[in-house]
Amino acid sequence: MSVVKHATAGFGTQSSSYFLDILSQGNAGAWVLKLPPKLQVYQNELESLLGRVFSECPRSTDNLELAQQMTINWCVSKCKKIGIALEESFHADS
């Protein structure tokens, strides 16, 4: 399965690259979310969704990759819903 690892956003003449490590697996096997600053307020919503989808699934590498892609898709969708570009979600002050 292909998982998005980088997003590139252009700001004027500069281009910034963001590593999208928004869902990883902690030492104890639990998933750890690191959402962009502007999406952190919605973290409970995403945690609930992931919990419903993966409640009966083992914590395998394949499921982690699926959850990572689902998390990225959720972020893109949430940004559209709240009216900001994905790139904007990474900036807490803008």
C-alpha atoms as a PDB file:
ATOM      1  CA  MET A   1       0.000   0.000   0.000  1.00  0.00           C
ATOM      2  CA  SER A   2       1.268   3.433  -0.867  1.00  0.00           C
ATOM      3  CA  VAL A   3       1.178   5.987   1.935  1.00  0.00           C
ATOM      4  CA  VAL A   4       1.701   9.716   1.419  1.00  0.00           C
ATOM      5  CA  LYS A   5       4.899  10.709   3.239  1.00  0.00           C
ATOM      6  CA  HIS A   6       5.501  14.234   1.949  1.00  0.00           C
ATOM      7  CA  ALA A   7       3.345  17.129   0.853  1.00  0.00           C
ATOM      8  CA  THR A   8       4.828  20.090  -0.912  1.00  0.00           C
ATOM      9  CA  ALA A   9       3.223  23.478  -0.645  1.00  0.00           C
ATOM     10  CA  GLY A  10       4.244  26.546  -2.580  1.00  0.00           C
ATOM     11  CA  PHE A  11       4.288  29.885  -0.806  1.00  0.00           C
ATOM     12  CA  GLY A  12       5.137  32.627  -3.281  1.00  0.00           C
ATOM     13  CA  THR A  13       8.480  31.690  -4.755  1.00  0.00           C
ATOM     14  CA  GLN A  14       9.398  29.408  -1.868  1.00  0.00           C
ATOM     15  CA  SER A  15       8.388  25.788  -1.538  1.00  0.00           C
ATOM     16  CA  SER A  16       8.134  24.029   1.800  1.00  0.00           C
ATOM     17  CA  SER A  17       8.156  20.289   2.300  1.00  0.00           C
ATOM     18  CA  TYR A  18       6.237  18.760   5.189  1.00  0.00           C
ATOM     19  CA  PHE A  19       6.815  15.288   6.541  1.00  0.00           C
ATOM     20  CA  LEU A  20       3.411  13.875   7.257  1.00  0.00           C
ATOM     21  CA  ASP A  21       4.209  11.603  10.177  1.00  0.00           C
ATOM     22  CA  ILE A  22       0.789  12.247  11.653  1.00  0.00           C
ATOM     23  CA  LEU A  23       0.125   8.685  12.763  1.00  0.00           C
ATOM     24  CA  SER A  24       2.826   6.421  14.130  1.00  0.00           C
ATOM     25  CA  GLN A  25       3.093   3.486  16.460  1.00  0.00           C
ATOM     26  CA  GLY A  26       4.436   4.066  19.961  1.00  0.00           C
ATOM     27  CA  ASN A  27       6.683   1.745  21.964  1.00  0.00           C
ATOM     28  CA  ALA A  28       3.727  -0.027  23.605  1.00  0.00           C
ATOM     29  CA  GLY A  29       2.075  -0.598  20.220  1.00  0.00           C
ATOM     30  CA  ALA A  30      -0.528   2.150  20.580  1.00  0.00           C
ATOM     31  CA  TRP A  31      -1.023   4.563  17.728  1.00  0.00           C
ATOM     32  CA  VAL A  32       0.184   8.126  18.282  1.00  0.00           C
ATOM     33  CA  LEU A  33      -1.408  11.063  16.453  1.00  0.00           C
ATOM     34  CA  LYS A  34       0.513  14.256  15.663  1.00  0.00           C
ATOM     35  CA  LEU A  35      -2.009  16.357  13.800  1.00  0.00           C
ATOM     36  CA  PRO A  36      -1.182  19.719  12.246  1.00  0.00           C
ATOM     37  CA  PRO A  37      -1.835  22.591  14.701  1.00  0.00           C
ATOM     38  CA  LYS A  38      -5.077  23.793  13.085  1.00  0.00           C
ATOM     39  CA  LEU A  39      -6.565  20.284  13.151  1.00  0.00           C
ATOM     40  CA  GLN A  40      -5.643  19.363  16.716  1.00  0.00           C
ATOM     41  CA  VAL A  41      -8.927  20.738  18.022  1.00  0.00           C
ATOM     42  CA  TYR A  42     -10.679  17.989  16.015  1.00  0.00           C
ATOM     43  CA  GLN A  43      -8.418  15.149  17.250  1.00  0.00           C
ATOM     44  CA  ASN A  44     -11.192  13.464  19.293  1.00  0.00           C
ATOM     45  CA  GLU A  45     -13.268  13.146  16.124  1.00  0.00           C
ATOM     46  CA  LEU A  46     -10.455  11.360  14.291  1.00  0.00           C
ATOM     47  CA  GLU A  47      -9.601   9.147  17.282  1.00  0.00           C
ATOM     48  CA  SER A  48     -13.239   8.074  17.464  1.00  0.00           C
ATOM     49  CA  LEU A  49     -13.311   7.261  13.753  1.00  0.00           C
ATOM     50  CA  LEU A  50     -10.088   5.240  13.916  1.00  0.00           C
ATOM     51  CA  GLY A  51     -11.388   3.442  17.002  1.00  0.00           C
ATOM     52  CA  ARG A  52     -14.607   2.415  15.252  1.00  0.00           C
ATOM     53  CA  VAL A  53     -12.836   1.228  12.116  1.00  0.00           C
ATOM     54  CA  PHE A  54      -9.959  -0.628  13.774  1.00  0.00           C
ATOM     55  CA  SER A  55     -11.530  -1.806  17.052  1.00  0.00           C
ATOM     56  CA  GLU A  56     -11.565  -5.477  16.023  1.00  0.00           C
ATOM     57  CA  CYS A  57      -8.318  -5.412  14.008  1.00  0.00           C
ATOM     58  CA  PRO A  58      -4.840  -6.468  15.084  1.00  0.00           C
ATOM     59  CA  ARG A  59      -2.122  -3.787  15.212  1.00  0.00           C
ATOM     60  CA  SER A  60      -0.300  -5.015  12.102  1.00  0.00           C
ATOM     61  CA  THR A  61       1.922  -3.036   9.744  1.00  0.00           C
ATOM     62  CA  ASP A  62      -0.742  -3.258   7.035  1.00  0.00           C
ATOM     63  CA  ASN A  63      -3.382  -1.848   9.377  1.00  0.00           C
ATOM     64  CA  LEU A  64      -1.038   0.935  10.471  1.00  0.00           C
ATOM     65  CA  GLU A  65      -0.465   1.899   6.836  1.00  0.00           C
ATOM     66  CA  LEU A  66      -4.203   1.827   6.178  1.00  0.00           C
ATOM     67  CA  ALA A  67      -4.827   3.972   9.271  1.00  0.00           C
ATOM     68  CA  GLN A  68      -2.102   6.410   8.164  1.00  0.00           C
ATOM     69  CA  GLN A  69      -3.718   6.819   4.755  1.00  0.00           C
ATOM     70  CA  MET A  70      -7.136   7.155   6.356  1.00  0.00           C
ATOM     71  CA  THR A  71      -5.752   9.850   8.676  1.00  0.00           C
ATOM     72  CA  ILE A  72      -4.276  11.805   5.770  1.00  0.00           C
ATOM     73  CA  ASN A  73      -7.559  11.545   3.880  1.00  0.00           C
ATOM     74  CA  TRP A  74      -9.411  12.727   6.995  1.00  0.00           C
ATOM     75  CA  CYS A  75      -7.061  15.726   7.292  1.00  0.00           C
ATOM     76  CA  VAL A  76      -7.635  16.711   3.655  1.00  0.00           C
ATOM     77  CA  SER A  77     -11.396  16.332   4.069  1.00  0.00           C
ATOM     78  CA  LYS A  78     -11.459  18.269   7.365  1.00  0.00           C
ATOM     79  CA  CYS A  79      -9.453  21.111   5.806  1.00  0.00           C
ATOM     80  CA  LYS A  80     -11.959  21.343   2.955  1.00  0.00           C
ATOM     81  CA  LYS A  81     -14.836  21.296   5.437  1.00  0.00           C
ATOM     82  CA  ILE A  82     -13.422  24.129   7.557  1.00  0.00           C
ATOM     83  CA  GLY A  83     -12.358  26.116   4.489  1.00  0.00           C
ATOM     84  CA  ILE A  84      -8.565  26.040   4.656  1.00  0.00           C
ATOM     85  CA  ALA A  85      -5.877  24.544   2.447  1.00  0.00           C
ATOM     86  CA  LEU A  86      -4.029  21.520   3.810  1.00  0.00           C
ATOM     87  CA  GLU A  87      -0.824  23.566   3.788  1.00  0.00           C
ATOM     88  CA  GLU A  88      -2.459  26.172   6.046  1.00  0.00           C
ATOM     89  CA  SER A  89      -3.230  23.541   8.669  1.00  0.00           C
ATOM     90  CA  PHE A  90       0.484  23.252   9.443  1.00  0.00           C
ATOM     91  CA  HIS A  91       0.726  26.911  10.472  1.00  0.00           C
ATOM     92  CA  ALA A  92      -0.616  27.640  13.937  1.00  0.00           C
ATOM     93  CA  ASP A  93      -0.417  31.414  13.531  1.00  0.00           C
ATOM     94  CA  SER A  94      -1.975  31.958  10.123  1.00  0.00           C
END
